[in-house]
């Protein structure tokens, strides 16, 4: 969606509206229900992030999500767990700074897998430029209760600096919703990752539609 495409992106990679799951925020809806509504509303990527699940439950849910997403052409990314991604044939993984090294994940998953890496400060982008990763998750842009262990937010100015530091796609996450999604896109993000803005929404489909509309507006103003 963003002006100019990165030539090294792997097939099916559109980070515009990137949903990160959290069953605790879904209320009476299941993760499958919320994801199904979100992709109908325009979500372009889905990351399964359910750290409380045991391996068997995680694999079962990942398999079900993969089957749900395939008809939409939306890639399934697994948070942290390279073994689970391999087990279900997911599109790739998203790694934190203390997870499996990206080089090893690439070796295990192969050249076609999508690999994202969280970056919490500018120096981590400089250090990661030598790695074969597909995008950076810039986290958190604003303070957020879903990431209470991260005390320093990038802010829009920090995001703009990150944009200047790399040609890789940037997925912004942390405290992003309808009120600020457009400004995040204008500051340099290629996409926004949201958790509560969709998972906790009364109508995840309408929430996704509204976010996509805001992002399109931000994209048109940034060109």
N, C-alpha and C. Protein backbone atom coordinates (compact mmCIF):
# COMPACT_ATOMS: atom_id res chain seq x y z
N UNK A 1 0.83 -1.20 0.00
CA UNK A 1 0.00 0.00 0.00
C UNK A 1 0.86 1.26 0.00
N UNK A 2 1.96 1.22 0.73
CA UNK A 2 2.79 2.40 0.86
C UNK A 2 3.52 2.70 -0.44
N UNK A 3 3.78 3.97 -0.73
CA UNK A 3 4.46 4.37 -1.95
C UNK A 3 5.84 3.71 -2.03
N UNK A 4 6.08 3.02 -3.15
CA UNK A 4 7.36 2.35 -3.35
C UNK A 4 7.38 1.02 -2.62
N UNK A 5 7.68 -0.04 -3.30
CA UNK A 5 7.74 -1.35 -2.68
C UNK A 5 9.18 -1.77 -2.49
N UNK A 6 9.45 -2.50 -1.43
CA UNK A 6 10.80 -2.97 -1.17
C UNK A 6 11.07 -4.19 -2.04
N UNK A 7 12.12 -4.18 -2.85
CA UNK A 7 12.32 -5.23 -3.84
C UNK A 7 12.62 -6.60 -3.25
N UNK A 8 13.10 -6.66 -1.99
CA UNK A 8 13.47 -7.95 -1.42
C UNK A 8 12.35 -8.59 -0.60
N UNK A 9 11.17 -8.02 -0.63
CA UNK A 9 10.06 -8.61 0.12
C UNK A 9 9.70 -9.96 -0.46
N UNK A 10 9.38 -10.90 0.41
CA UNK A 10 8.97 -12.22 -0.03
C UNK A 10 7.49 -12.19 -0.41
N UNK A 11 7.05 -13.15 -1.21
CA UNK A 11 5.66 -13.12 -1.70
C UNK A 11 4.63 -13.07 -0.57
N UNK A 12 3.58 -12.34 -0.79
CA UNK A 12 2.48 -12.31 0.16
C UNK A 12 2.70 -11.42 1.37
N UNK A 13 3.70 -10.56 1.30
CA UNK A 13 4.06 -9.75 2.46
C UNK A 13 3.49 -8.34 2.33
N UNK A 14 2.42 -8.08 3.04
CA UNK A 14 1.81 -6.75 3.09
C UNK A 14 1.55 -6.45 4.56
N UNK A 15 2.37 -5.60 5.19
CA UNK A 15 2.25 -5.37 6.63
C UNK A 15 1.26 -4.28 7.03
N UNK A 16 0.47 -3.78 6.10
CA UNK A 16 -0.34 -2.59 6.34
C UNK A 16 -1.12 -2.65 7.66
N UNK A 17 -1.92 -3.69 7.84
CA UNK A 17 -2.68 -3.84 9.08
C UNK A 17 -2.38 -5.23 9.64
N UNK A 18 -1.58 -5.24 10.68
CA UNK A 18 -0.97 -6.45 11.21
C UNK A 18 -1.61 -6.74 12.57
N UNK A 19 -2.44 -7.78 12.63
CA UNK A 19 -3.13 -8.13 13.86
C UNK A 19 -2.28 -9.08 14.69
N UNK A 20 -2.10 -8.73 15.96
CA UNK A 20 -1.43 -9.60 16.93
C UNK A 20 -2.49 -10.10 17.91
N UNK A 21 -2.58 -11.40 18.06
CA UNK A 21 -3.68 -11.97 18.85
C UNK A 21 -3.41 -11.89 20.35
N UNK A 22 -4.50 -11.85 21.11
CA UNK A 22 -4.45 -11.93 22.57
C UNK A 22 -5.82 -12.41 23.03
N UNK A 23 -5.89 -13.69 23.35
CA UNK A 23 -7.17 -14.29 23.73
C UNK A 23 -7.80 -13.59 24.93
N UNK A 24 -6.97 -13.09 25.84
CA UNK A 24 -7.50 -12.44 27.05
C UNK A 24 -8.31 -11.20 26.71
N UNK A 25 -8.00 -10.55 25.58
CA UNK A 25 -8.70 -9.33 25.19
C UNK A 25 -9.92 -9.60 24.32
N UNK A 26 -10.10 -10.84 23.92
CA UNK A 26 -11.18 -11.16 22.97
C UNK A 26 -12.54 -11.32 23.63
N UNK A 27 -12.57 -11.33 24.95
CA UNK A 27 -13.84 -11.46 25.65
C UNK A 27 -14.48 -12.81 25.38
N UNK A 28 -15.73 -12.81 25.00
CA UNK A 28 -16.45 -14.05 24.74
C UNK A 28 -16.15 -14.61 23.36
N UNK A 29 -15.51 -13.84 22.52
CA UNK A 29 -15.16 -14.32 21.18
C UNK A 29 -13.89 -15.16 21.26
N UNK A 30 -13.78 -16.11 20.37
CA UNK A 30 -12.55 -16.88 20.28
C UNK A 30 -11.55 -16.15 19.40
N UNK A 31 -10.28 -16.55 19.49
CA UNK A 31 -9.26 -15.99 18.60
C UNK A 31 -9.64 -16.23 17.15
N UNK A 32 -10.16 -17.40 16.84
CA UNK A 32 -10.57 -17.71 15.47
C UNK A 32 -11.67 -16.76 15.00
N UNK A 33 -12.63 -16.49 15.86
CA UNK A 33 -13.71 -15.57 15.51
C UNK A 33 -13.16 -14.18 15.20
N UNK A 34 -12.31 -13.68 16.09
CA UNK A 34 -11.77 -12.33 15.94
C UNK A 34 -10.91 -12.23 14.68
N UNK A 35 -10.06 -13.22 14.46
CA UNK A 35 -9.20 -13.19 13.27
C UNK A 35 -10.04 -13.26 12.00
N UNK A 36 -11.04 -14.11 11.99
CA UNK A 36 -11.90 -14.21 10.81
C UNK A 36 -12.57 -12.90 10.47
N UNK A 37 -13.07 -12.20 11.48
CA UNK A 37 -13.70 -10.91 11.26
C UNK A 37 -12.67 -9.86 10.83
N UNK A 38 -11.49 -9.89 11.44
CA UNK A 38 -10.47 -8.90 11.13
C UNK A 38 -9.99 -9.00 9.69
N UNK A 39 -9.78 -10.20 9.20
CA UNK A 39 -9.30 -10.33 7.82
C UNK A 39 -10.40 -9.95 6.83
N UNK A 40 -11.63 -10.18 7.19
CA UNK A 40 -12.72 -9.72 6.32
C UNK A 40 -12.78 -8.19 6.30
N UNK A 41 -12.33 -7.58 7.39
CA UNK A 41 -12.30 -6.13 7.46
C UNK A 41 -11.06 -5.50 6.85
N UNK A 42 -10.08 -6.33 6.48
CA UNK A 42 -8.91 -5.80 5.79
C UNK A 42 -7.56 -6.09 6.41
N UNK A 43 -7.50 -6.81 7.53
CA UNK A 43 -6.21 -7.15 8.12
C UNK A 43 -5.37 -7.92 7.11
N UNK A 44 -4.09 -7.56 7.00
CA UNK A 44 -3.23 -8.10 5.95
C UNK A 44 -2.22 -9.12 6.46
N UNK A 45 -1.97 -9.15 7.76
CA UNK A 45 -1.10 -10.15 8.38
C UNK A 45 -1.65 -10.49 9.76
N UNK A 46 -1.37 -11.69 10.21
CA UNK A 46 -1.81 -12.10 11.55
C UNK A 46 -0.65 -12.78 12.24
N UNK A 47 -0.37 -12.31 13.46
CA UNK A 47 0.64 -12.96 14.31
C UNK A 47 -0.06 -13.65 15.47
N UNK A 48 0.19 -14.94 15.61
CA UNK A 48 -0.33 -15.69 16.75
C UNK A 48 0.63 -15.50 17.92
N UNK A 49 0.14 -14.78 18.92
CA UNK A 49 0.95 -14.48 20.11
C UNK A 49 0.13 -14.85 21.35
N UNK A 50 0.28 -16.08 21.77
CA UNK A 50 -0.47 -16.59 22.92
C UNK A 50 0.53 -17.31 23.82
N UNK A 51 1.27 -16.56 24.61
CA UNK A 51 2.37 -17.10 25.38
C UNK A 51 1.93 -18.04 26.49
N UNK A 52 0.66 -18.00 26.87
CA UNK A 52 0.20 -18.85 27.96
C UNK A 52 -0.19 -20.26 27.50
N UNK A 53 -0.27 -20.48 26.20
CA UNK A 53 -0.67 -21.78 25.70
C UNK A 53 0.49 -22.77 25.75
N UNK A 54 0.17 -24.03 26.07
CA UNK A 54 1.18 -25.07 25.95
C UNK A 54 1.40 -25.39 24.47
N UNK A 55 2.44 -26.14 24.18
CA UNK A 55 2.83 -26.37 22.80
C UNK A 55 1.71 -27.04 21.99
N UNK A 56 1.06 -28.03 22.57
CA UNK A 56 0.00 -28.75 21.85
C UNK A 56 -1.14 -27.80 21.50
N UNK A 57 -1.57 -26.99 22.46
CA UNK A 57 -2.67 -26.06 22.22
C UNK A 57 -2.26 -24.99 21.21
N UNK A 58 -1.01 -24.54 21.29
CA UNK A 58 -0.52 -23.54 20.34
C UNK A 58 -0.52 -24.08 18.92
N UNK A 59 -0.05 -25.30 18.75
CA UNK A 59 -0.01 -25.91 17.42
C UNK A 59 -1.42 -26.12 16.88
N UNK A 60 -2.32 -26.59 17.73
CA UNK A 60 -3.71 -26.79 17.29
C UNK A 60 -4.33 -25.48 16.82
N UNK A 61 -4.12 -24.41 17.59
CA UNK A 61 -4.69 -23.12 17.22
C UNK A 61 -4.01 -22.58 15.96
N UNK A 62 -2.71 -22.74 15.87
CA UNK A 62 -1.98 -22.27 14.69
C UNK A 62 -2.46 -22.99 13.43
N UNK A 63 -2.68 -24.27 13.54
CA UNK A 63 -3.16 -25.04 12.38
C UNK A 63 -4.54 -24.54 11.94
N UNK A 64 -5.41 -24.31 12.91
CA UNK A 64 -6.74 -23.81 12.58
C UNK A 64 -6.68 -22.42 11.95
N UNK A 65 -5.83 -21.56 12.49
CA UNK A 65 -5.68 -20.21 11.94
C UNK A 65 -5.11 -20.25 10.52
N UNK A 66 -4.15 -21.10 10.29
CA UNK A 66 -3.57 -21.21 8.96
C UNK A 66 -4.64 -21.59 7.93
N UNK A 67 -5.49 -22.56 8.30
CA UNK A 67 -6.57 -22.95 7.40
C UNK A 67 -7.56 -21.82 7.16
N UNK A 68 -7.82 -21.02 8.20
CA UNK A 68 -8.73 -19.88 8.08
C UNK A 68 -8.16 -18.81 7.16
N UNK A 69 -6.86 -18.56 7.27
CA UNK A 69 -6.24 -17.44 6.56
C UNK A 69 -5.89 -17.74 5.11
N UNK A 70 -5.65 -18.98 4.79
CA UNK A 70 -5.17 -19.32 3.44
C UNK A 70 -6.09 -18.82 2.33
N UNK A 71 -7.42 -18.96 2.45
CA UNK A 71 -8.27 -18.45 1.36
C UNK A 71 -8.17 -16.95 1.15
N UNK A 72 -7.75 -16.22 2.18
CA UNK A 72 -7.61 -14.76 2.07
C UNK A 72 -6.22 -14.34 1.59
N UNK A 73 -5.30 -15.30 1.51
CA UNK A 73 -3.93 -14.96 1.16
C UNK A 73 -3.21 -14.17 2.23
N UNK A 74 -3.66 -14.32 3.47
CA UNK A 74 -3.06 -13.58 4.60
C UNK A 74 -2.07 -14.50 5.31
N UNK A 75 -0.81 -14.08 5.44
CA UNK A 75 0.19 -14.95 6.07
C UNK A 75 0.01 -15.04 7.59
N UNK A 76 0.28 -16.23 8.11
CA UNK A 76 0.28 -16.46 9.56
C UNK A 76 1.71 -16.43 10.07
N UNK A 77 1.96 -15.56 11.03
CA UNK A 77 3.26 -15.44 11.69
C UNK A 77 3.11 -15.94 13.12
N UNK A 78 4.09 -16.72 13.57
CA UNK A 78 4.08 -17.22 14.95
C UNK A 78 5.05 -16.40 15.78
N UNK A 79 4.61 -15.95 16.93
CA UNK A 79 5.48 -15.19 17.83
C UNK A 79 6.46 -16.13 18.53
N UNK A 80 7.73 -15.86 18.38
CA UNK A 80 8.82 -16.53 19.11
C UNK A 80 9.09 -17.97 18.68
N UNK A 81 8.06 -18.78 18.51
CA UNK A 81 8.22 -20.22 18.46
C UNK A 81 8.49 -20.73 17.05
N UNK A 82 9.77 -20.89 16.74
CA UNK A 82 10.18 -21.42 15.44
C UNK A 82 9.70 -22.86 15.28
N UNK A 83 9.72 -23.62 16.37
CA UNK A 83 9.28 -25.01 16.29
C UNK A 83 7.81 -25.11 15.91
N UNK A 84 6.98 -24.25 16.47
CA UNK A 84 5.56 -24.26 16.13
C UNK A 84 5.34 -23.83 14.68
N UNK A 85 6.11 -22.83 14.23
CA UNK A 85 6.00 -22.39 12.84
C UNK A 85 6.34 -23.51 11.88
N UNK A 86 7.39 -24.26 12.20
CA UNK A 86 7.77 -25.40 11.37
C UNK A 86 6.70 -26.48 11.41
N UNK A 87 6.12 -26.71 12.57
CA UNK A 87 5.15 -27.79 12.74
C UNK A 87 3.91 -27.60 11.89
N UNK A 88 3.49 -26.35 11.71
CA UNK A 88 2.24 -26.09 10.98
C UNK A 88 2.47 -25.51 9.59
N UNK A 89 3.72 -25.26 9.23
CA UNK A 89 3.99 -24.65 7.93
C UNK A 89 3.53 -23.21 7.87
N UNK A 90 3.72 -22.48 8.96
CA UNK A 90 3.34 -21.06 8.98
C UNK A 90 4.24 -20.27 8.04
N UNK A 91 3.78 -19.06 7.70
CA UNK A 91 4.56 -18.22 6.78
C UNK A 91 5.86 -17.77 7.39
N UNK A 92 5.94 -17.69 8.72
CA UNK A 92 7.17 -17.25 9.34
C UNK A 92 7.02 -17.01 10.82
N UNK A 93 7.99 -16.29 11.38
CA UNK A 93 8.03 -16.03 12.82
C UNK A 93 8.34 -14.56 13.08
N UNK A 94 7.96 -14.13 14.27
CA UNK A 94 8.39 -12.82 14.75
C UNK A 94 9.23 -13.04 16.00
N UNK A 95 10.43 -12.47 15.99
CA UNK A 95 11.39 -12.70 17.07
C UNK A 95 11.61 -11.44 17.89
N UNK A 96 11.77 -11.63 19.19
CA UNK A 96 12.19 -10.55 20.06
C UNK A 96 13.70 -10.55 20.20
N UNK A 97 14.23 -9.57 20.90
CA UNK A 97 15.67 -9.44 21.06
C UNK A 97 16.29 -10.59 21.86
N UNK A 98 15.49 -11.31 22.63
CA UNK A 98 16.03 -12.39 23.45
C UNK A 98 15.53 -13.76 23.01
N UNK A 99 14.97 -13.83 21.81
CA UNK A 99 14.51 -15.10 21.26
C UNK A 99 15.63 -15.75 20.45
N UNK A 100 15.29 -16.81 19.74
CA UNK A 100 16.27 -17.47 18.89
C UNK A 100 16.94 -16.47 17.95
N UNK A 101 18.27 -16.55 17.78
CA UNK A 101 18.93 -15.63 16.85
C UNK A 101 18.33 -15.72 15.45
N UNK A 102 18.22 -14.58 14.80
CA UNK A 102 17.60 -14.54 13.48
C UNK A 102 18.33 -15.41 12.47
N UNK A 103 19.65 -15.47 12.57
CA UNK A 103 20.42 -16.29 11.64
C UNK A 103 20.03 -17.76 11.75
N UNK A 104 19.83 -18.24 12.97
CA UNK A 104 19.45 -19.64 13.16
C UNK A 104 18.02 -19.88 12.70
N UNK A 105 17.13 -18.93 13.00
CA UNK A 105 15.74 -19.06 12.54
C UNK A 105 15.69 -19.13 11.02
N UNK A 106 16.49 -18.30 10.35
CA UNK A 106 16.53 -18.34 8.89
C UNK A 106 17.03 -19.68 8.39
N UNK A 107 18.06 -20.21 9.03
CA UNK A 107 18.60 -21.51 8.64
C UNK A 107 17.53 -22.60 8.77
N UNK A 108 16.77 -22.56 9.85
CA UNK A 108 15.77 -23.60 10.10
C UNK A 108 14.54 -23.45 9.21
N UNK A 109 14.11 -22.22 8.99
CA UNK A 109 12.86 -21.98 8.27
C UNK A 109 13.03 -21.89 6.76
N UNK A 110 14.22 -21.57 6.31
CA UNK A 110 14.46 -21.49 4.87
C UNK A 110 14.33 -20.08 4.32
N UNK A 111 14.71 -19.94 3.07
CA UNK A 111 14.83 -18.62 2.45
C UNK A 111 13.50 -17.94 2.17
N UNK A 112 12.41 -18.71 2.11
CA UNK A 112 11.12 -18.12 1.75
C UNK A 112 10.30 -17.69 2.96
N UNK A 113 10.75 -18.03 4.15
CA UNK A 113 9.99 -17.68 5.35
C UNK A 113 10.08 -16.19 5.63
N UNK A 114 9.03 -15.65 6.22
CA UNK A 114 9.02 -14.27 6.70
C UNK A 114 9.56 -14.24 8.12
N UNK A 115 10.52 -13.38 8.37
CA UNK A 115 11.07 -13.23 9.72
C UNK A 115 11.04 -11.75 10.10
N UNK A 116 10.37 -11.47 11.20
CA UNK A 116 10.32 -10.13 11.74
C UNK A 116 11.14 -10.06 13.02
N UNK A 117 11.67 -8.90 13.32
CA UNK A 117 12.49 -8.71 14.51
C UNK A 117 12.05 -7.45 15.24
N UNK A 118 11.76 -7.59 16.53
CA UNK A 118 11.41 -6.43 17.34
C UNK A 118 12.64 -5.59 17.63
N UNK A 119 12.49 -4.28 17.52
CA UNK A 119 13.58 -3.35 17.86
C UNK A 119 13.02 -2.31 18.82
N UNK A 120 13.75 -2.08 19.89
CA UNK A 120 13.29 -1.19 20.96
C UNK A 120 14.10 0.09 21.05
N UNK A 121 15.18 0.17 20.29
CA UNK A 121 15.99 1.39 20.23
C UNK A 121 16.73 1.42 18.90
N UNK A 122 17.22 2.59 18.55
CA UNK A 122 17.82 2.79 17.23
C UNK A 122 19.04 1.92 17.01
N UNK A 123 19.84 1.75 18.04
CA UNK A 123 21.04 0.94 17.89
C UNK A 123 20.75 -0.49 17.47
N UNK A 124 19.60 -1.02 17.87
CA UNK A 124 19.24 -2.38 17.49
C UNK A 124 18.96 -2.49 15.99
N UNK A 125 18.47 -1.41 15.39
CA UNK A 125 18.29 -1.41 13.94
C UNK A 125 19.65 -1.46 13.25
N UNK A 126 20.59 -0.64 13.70
CA UNK A 126 21.93 -0.64 13.10
C UNK A 126 22.57 -2.02 13.22
N UNK A 127 22.42 -2.66 14.36
CA UNK A 127 23.01 -3.99 14.59
C UNK A 127 22.35 -5.06 13.70
N UNK A 128 21.07 -4.88 13.39
CA UNK A 128 20.31 -5.91 12.68
C UNK A 128 20.39 -5.79 11.16
N UNK A 129 20.96 -4.72 10.66
CA UNK A 129 20.97 -4.51 9.22
C UNK A 129 21.70 -5.62 8.45
N UNK A 130 22.60 -6.31 9.12
CA UNK A 130 23.33 -7.40 8.46
C UNK A 130 22.51 -8.69 8.42
N UNK A 131 21.41 -8.73 9.14
CA UNK A 131 20.61 -9.95 9.26
C UNK A 131 19.61 -10.07 8.11
N UNK A 132 19.28 -11.32 7.77
CA UNK A 132 18.29 -11.58 6.73
C UNK A 132 16.91 -11.64 7.37
N UNK A 133 16.41 -10.47 7.77
CA UNK A 133 15.05 -10.36 8.29
C UNK A 133 14.24 -9.50 7.34
N UNK A 134 12.93 -9.69 7.37
CA UNK A 134 12.06 -9.04 6.39
C UNK A 134 11.51 -7.71 6.84
N UNK A 135 11.36 -7.53 8.15
CA UNK A 135 10.83 -6.27 8.66
C UNK A 135 11.23 -6.12 10.11
N UNK A 136 11.16 -4.89 10.57
CA UNK A 136 11.37 -4.61 11.98
C UNK A 136 10.04 -4.24 12.63
N UNK A 137 9.79 -4.80 13.81
CA UNK A 137 8.67 -4.38 14.62
C UNK A 137 9.16 -3.31 15.58
N UNK A 138 8.80 -2.06 15.34
CA UNK A 138 9.28 -0.93 16.14
C UNK A 138 8.36 -0.80 17.35
N UNK A 139 8.90 -1.07 18.53
CA UNK A 139 8.05 -1.28 19.71
C UNK A 139 8.68 -0.69 20.97
N UNK A 140 7.82 -0.03 21.81
CA UNK A 140 6.47 0.44 21.50
C UNK A 140 6.53 1.88 20.98
N UNK A 141 5.60 2.22 20.12
CA UNK A 141 5.52 3.61 19.65
C UNK A 141 4.98 4.50 20.77
N UNK A 142 3.91 4.06 21.41
CA UNK A 142 3.34 4.76 22.56
C UNK A 142 3.26 3.77 23.72
N UNK A 143 3.23 4.24 24.96
CA UNK A 143 3.09 3.33 26.09
C UNK A 143 1.83 2.47 25.94
N UNK A 144 1.95 1.19 26.32
CA UNK A 144 0.84 0.27 26.15
C UNK A 144 0.82 -0.77 27.26
N UNK A 145 -0.36 -1.11 27.78
CA UNK A 145 -0.45 -2.12 28.84
C UNK A 145 -0.12 -3.53 28.36
N UNK A 146 -0.12 -3.77 27.04
CA UNK A 146 0.21 -5.11 26.55
C UNK A 146 1.71 -5.36 26.55
N UNK A 147 2.51 -4.28 26.74
CA UNK A 147 3.97 -4.42 26.82
C UNK A 147 4.48 -3.63 28.03
N UNK A 148 4.06 -4.01 29.24
CA UNK A 148 4.40 -3.23 30.42
C UNK A 148 5.89 -3.25 30.76
N UNK A 149 6.64 -4.22 30.22
CA UNK A 149 8.06 -4.33 30.54
C UNK A 149 8.92 -3.37 29.72
N UNK A 150 8.32 -2.72 28.72
CA UNK A 150 9.06 -1.77 27.89
C UNK A 150 8.75 -0.36 28.38
N UNK A 151 9.75 0.31 28.89
CA UNK A 151 9.52 1.58 29.57
C UNK A 151 9.74 2.81 28.68
N UNK A 152 10.49 2.65 27.60
CA UNK A 152 10.82 3.78 26.75
C UNK A 152 10.10 3.66 25.41
N UNK A 153 9.20 4.60 25.13
CA UNK A 153 8.46 4.57 23.88
C UNK A 153 9.22 5.36 22.81
N UNK A 154 9.10 4.90 21.56
CA UNK A 154 9.75 5.58 20.45
C UNK A 154 9.14 6.95 20.19
N UNK A 155 7.81 7.04 20.23
CA UNK A 155 7.13 8.26 19.82
C UNK A 155 7.22 8.43 18.31
N UNK A 156 6.53 9.42 17.80
CA UNK A 156 6.52 9.65 16.35
C UNK A 156 7.89 10.13 15.85
N UNK A 157 8.57 10.93 16.65
CA UNK A 157 9.89 11.42 16.25
C UNK A 157 10.89 10.27 16.17
N UNK A 158 10.82 9.36 17.13
CA UNK A 158 11.70 8.20 17.10
C UNK A 158 11.41 7.30 15.92
N UNK A 159 10.14 7.13 15.61
CA UNK A 159 9.75 6.34 14.44
C UNK A 159 10.31 6.96 13.16
N UNK A 160 10.24 8.27 13.05
CA UNK A 160 10.79 8.95 11.88
C UNK A 160 12.30 8.72 11.78
N UNK A 161 13.00 8.68 12.91
CA UNK A 161 14.43 8.40 12.90
C UNK A 161 14.69 6.96 12.46
N UNK A 162 13.85 6.03 12.92
CA UNK A 162 13.99 4.65 12.49
C UNK A 162 13.80 4.52 10.98
N UNK A 163 12.86 5.30 10.45
CA UNK A 163 12.61 5.27 9.01
C UNK A 163 13.86 5.70 8.23
N UNK A 164 14.57 6.67 8.77
CA UNK A 164 15.79 7.15 8.10
C UNK A 164 16.94 6.16 8.22
N UNK A 165 16.86 5.25 9.18
CA UNK A 165 17.98 4.35 9.47
C UNK A 165 17.98 3.08 8.64
N UNK A 166 16.87 2.77 7.96
CA UNK A 166 16.79 1.49 7.25
C UNK A 166 15.84 1.58 6.07
N UNK A 167 16.10 0.73 5.08
CA UNK A 167 15.16 0.59 3.96
C UNK A 167 14.19 -0.56 4.18
N UNK A 168 14.40 -1.34 5.25
CA UNK A 168 13.50 -2.45 5.52
C UNK A 168 12.13 -1.93 5.97
N UNK A 169 11.08 -2.70 5.71
CA UNK A 169 9.75 -2.30 6.18
C UNK A 169 9.71 -2.18 7.71
N UNK A 170 8.97 -1.19 8.16
CA UNK A 170 8.78 -0.96 9.59
C UNK A 170 7.32 -1.20 9.95
N UNK A 171 7.11 -2.06 10.93
CA UNK A 171 5.77 -2.29 11.47
C UNK A 171 5.75 -1.67 12.86
N UNK A 172 4.94 -0.65 13.04
CA UNK A 172 4.85 0.06 14.31
C UNK A 172 3.84 -0.64 15.21
N UNK A 173 4.19 -0.77 16.50
CA UNK A 173 3.28 -1.40 17.45
C UNK A 173 3.40 -0.70 18.79
N UNK A 174 2.29 -0.70 19.52
CA UNK A 174 2.31 -0.15 20.87
C UNK A 174 1.42 1.06 21.01
N UNK A 175 0.26 0.88 21.61
CA UNK A 175 -0.63 2.00 21.87
C UNK A 175 -1.26 2.61 20.63
N UNK A 176 -1.37 1.84 19.55
CA UNK A 176 -1.90 2.37 18.29
C UNK A 176 -3.37 1.99 18.14
N UNK A 177 -4.17 2.99 17.79
CA UNK A 177 -5.60 2.77 17.55
C UNK A 177 -6.09 3.77 16.53
N UNK A 178 -7.40 3.91 16.47
CA UNK A 178 -8.01 4.80 15.47
C UNK A 178 -7.53 6.24 15.60
N UNK A 179 -7.28 6.68 16.82
CA UNK A 179 -6.97 8.08 17.05
C UNK A 179 -5.58 8.48 16.58
N UNK A 180 -4.69 7.49 16.39
CA UNK A 180 -3.31 7.86 16.02
C UNK A 180 -2.71 7.03 14.89
N UNK A 181 -3.47 6.09 14.32
CA UNK A 181 -2.92 5.21 13.27
C UNK A 181 -2.44 6.01 12.07
N UNK A 182 -3.20 7.01 11.66
CA UNK A 182 -2.82 7.81 10.49
C UNK A 182 -1.50 8.53 10.74
N UNK A 183 -1.32 9.11 11.92
CA UNK A 183 -0.09 9.84 12.21
C UNK A 183 1.11 8.90 12.25
N UNK A 184 0.92 7.68 12.69
CA UNK A 184 1.99 6.69 12.72
C UNK A 184 2.43 6.35 11.30
N UNK A 185 1.47 6.20 10.42
CA UNK A 185 1.78 5.91 9.03
C UNK A 185 2.52 7.07 8.39
N UNK A 186 2.08 8.28 8.68
CA UNK A 186 2.74 9.46 8.12
C UNK A 186 4.17 9.59 8.62
N UNK A 187 4.44 9.12 9.83
CA UNK A 187 5.78 9.24 10.41
C UNK A 187 6.78 8.26 9.80
N UNK A 188 6.29 7.31 9.01
CA UNK A 188 7.22 6.44 8.32
C UNK A 188 6.96 4.95 8.40
N UNK A 189 5.90 4.53 9.10
CA UNK A 189 5.62 3.10 9.20
C UNK A 189 5.09 2.56 7.88
N UNK A 190 5.47 1.34 7.56
CA UNK A 190 4.90 0.64 6.42
C UNK A 190 3.62 -0.09 6.80
N UNK A 191 3.45 -0.26 8.09
CA UNK A 191 2.25 -0.90 8.59
C UNK A 191 2.14 -0.69 10.08
N UNK A 192 0.96 -0.95 10.63
CA UNK A 192 0.77 -0.86 12.07
C UNK A 192 0.28 -2.21 12.59
N UNK A 193 0.84 -2.60 13.72
CA UNK A 193 0.40 -3.81 14.40
C UNK A 193 -0.48 -3.40 15.57
N UNK A 194 -1.62 -4.04 15.69
CA UNK A 194 -2.56 -3.71 16.75
C UNK A 194 -2.97 -4.97 17.50
N UNK A 195 -3.27 -4.79 18.76
CA UNK A 195 -3.77 -5.89 19.58
C UNK A 195 -5.17 -5.52 20.06
N UNK A 196 -5.25 -4.67 21.07
CA UNK A 196 -6.54 -4.35 21.68
C UNK A 196 -7.47 -3.60 20.72
N UNK A 197 -6.91 -2.82 19.79
CA UNK A 197 -7.75 -2.05 18.87
C UNK A 197 -8.67 -2.94 18.05
N UNK A 198 -8.30 -4.20 17.88
CA UNK A 198 -9.18 -5.15 17.18
C UNK A 198 -9.68 -6.23 18.13
N UNK A 199 -8.77 -6.84 18.91
CA UNK A 199 -9.18 -7.95 19.78
C UNK A 199 -10.24 -7.54 20.80
N UNK A 200 -10.12 -6.32 21.32
CA UNK A 200 -11.07 -5.85 22.35
C UNK A 200 -12.22 -5.05 21.77
N UNK A 201 -12.27 -4.90 20.45
CA UNK A 201 -13.33 -4.11 19.83
C UNK A 201 -14.66 -4.87 19.88
N UNK A 202 -15.77 -4.17 20.07
CA UNK A 202 -17.07 -4.83 20.04
C UNK A 202 -17.33 -5.51 18.69
N UNK A 203 -16.85 -4.90 17.61
CA UNK A 203 -17.00 -5.45 16.27
C UNK A 203 -15.64 -5.43 15.59
N UNK A 204 -14.87 -6.52 15.64
CA UNK A 204 -13.54 -6.55 15.05
C UNK A 204 -13.53 -6.25 13.54
N UNK A 205 -14.59 -6.63 12.85
CA UNK A 205 -14.65 -6.35 11.41
C UNK A 205 -14.70 -4.84 11.16
N UNK A 206 -15.58 -4.15 11.85
CA UNK A 206 -15.70 -2.70 11.67
C UNK A 206 -14.43 -1.98 12.15
N UNK A 207 -13.81 -2.51 13.21
CA UNK A 207 -12.58 -1.91 13.69
C UNK A 207 -11.48 -2.01 12.65
N UNK A 208 -11.37 -3.19 12.02
CA UNK A 208 -10.36 -3.37 10.98
C UNK A 208 -10.64 -2.47 9.77
N UNK A 209 -11.90 -2.38 9.39
CA UNK A 209 -12.26 -1.51 8.26
C UNK A 209 -11.90 -0.06 8.54
N UNK A 210 -12.18 0.40 9.75
CA UNK A 210 -11.89 1.79 10.11
C UNK A 210 -10.39 2.05 10.13
N UNK A 211 -9.61 1.09 10.64
CA UNK A 211 -8.17 1.25 10.67
C UNK A 211 -7.59 1.30 9.26
N UNK A 212 -8.07 0.43 8.40
CA UNK A 212 -7.60 0.42 7.01
C UNK A 212 -7.90 1.76 6.33
N UNK A 213 -9.08 2.30 6.59
CA UNK A 213 -9.43 3.60 6.01
C UNK A 213 -8.48 4.69 6.51
N UNK A 214 -8.17 4.68 7.81
CA UNK A 214 -7.24 5.67 8.37
C UNK A 214 -5.85 5.52 7.78
N UNK A 215 -5.41 4.28 7.59
CA UNK A 215 -4.08 4.04 7.04
C UNK A 215 -4.00 4.46 5.58
N UNK A 216 -5.07 4.26 4.84
CA UNK A 216 -5.07 4.71 3.45
C UNK A 216 -4.98 6.23 3.38
N UNK A 217 -5.63 6.88 4.34
CA UNK A 217 -5.55 8.34 4.38
C UNK A 217 -4.13 8.79 4.70
N UNK A 218 -3.50 8.11 5.65
CA UNK A 218 -2.12 8.43 5.99
C UNK A 218 -1.17 8.17 4.84
N UNK A 219 -1.43 7.09 4.09
CA UNK A 219 -0.60 6.77 2.94
C UNK A 219 -0.71 7.84 1.87
N UNK A 220 -1.92 8.30 1.58
CA UNK A 220 -2.12 9.29 0.52
C UNK A 220 -1.46 10.62 0.89
N UNK A 221 -1.44 10.95 2.18
CA UNK A 221 -0.81 12.20 2.61
C UNK A 221 0.72 12.12 2.65
N UNK A 222 1.24 10.88 2.73
CA UNK A 222 2.70 10.71 2.83
C UNK A 222 3.37 10.65 1.47
N UNK A 223 2.59 10.54 0.41
CA UNK A 223 3.17 10.40 -0.92
C UNK A 223 3.46 11.77 -1.54
